[in-house]
Amino acid sequence: MQTNEDQKVNEQNGSHQEVDDASQIKYFGGHEYDGIKELDNPLPPWLKYIFYITIILAFSYWTRLFVFHDDNIIQRREYAKEMAVANAKTDVAVKEEASRAAAAAPLTKEQILSDGKVTFDKICFVCHGKFGEGLVGPNFTDDYWIKGGRPEDLKKVITEGVLDKGMLSYKSQLNNAQIDHVIAYILSLQGTNPPNPKAPQGVKVEK
């Protein structure tokens, strides 16, 4: 408890402060609310050390960032790496989108016939000749057809085959686009007059 002598000393020094009777810790002057006074407690040592460490770390960070311009601190390298990866993905996406757009775009007549010729040269020419003149199979360049000369007739022959004539089914080997394209190419051979054409077979179909 503060004695009269202590109070006199404080008054003489011009710094009169009350002291808590139990802890003998001074009160903060003017810090009182609803009868509760704030004691002038010092910070615990561990909290002071944490505060000092944060100051040291902050100064070290500031030095590396603004004095030495450390890229690892401001993550320029990481940013550049991530941007490179993102740009690469964007380039791939653009190319894939262009490929999809090209695939979705309608083919020209020349492209259809060119694609059909690839299938014809791979499968059909063995029986029908290089120019569609006919060998084992019938001639494609005249107006005579055994199973009909409409596109749907040819498609049925290609997908189902004609076993009694030696024509196999190609529905498992060719997709729908390939079949349509080779049909377009076969029909384009009519009237081309190739050398050594096979004699007409079937029924003449008027154009």
Foldseek 3Di string as FASTA:
>chain_A
DDDPVNQVVCVVVVHRFDADPPPRFTFDPPQDDPRDTHGPDDDDPVVVVVVVVVVVVVVVLCCCCPPVVDCVSVVPVVVVVVVVVVVVVVVVVVVVVVVVVVVPDDDDLVVLLVLLLVVCVVPPCVAQNNLSLGDLHARLAEQFDAQDLDLVSQLCCQQPNDVVSPGDHCPVPDPPSNSSSNSSNSNVSHNVDDPPHDDGDHDGDDD
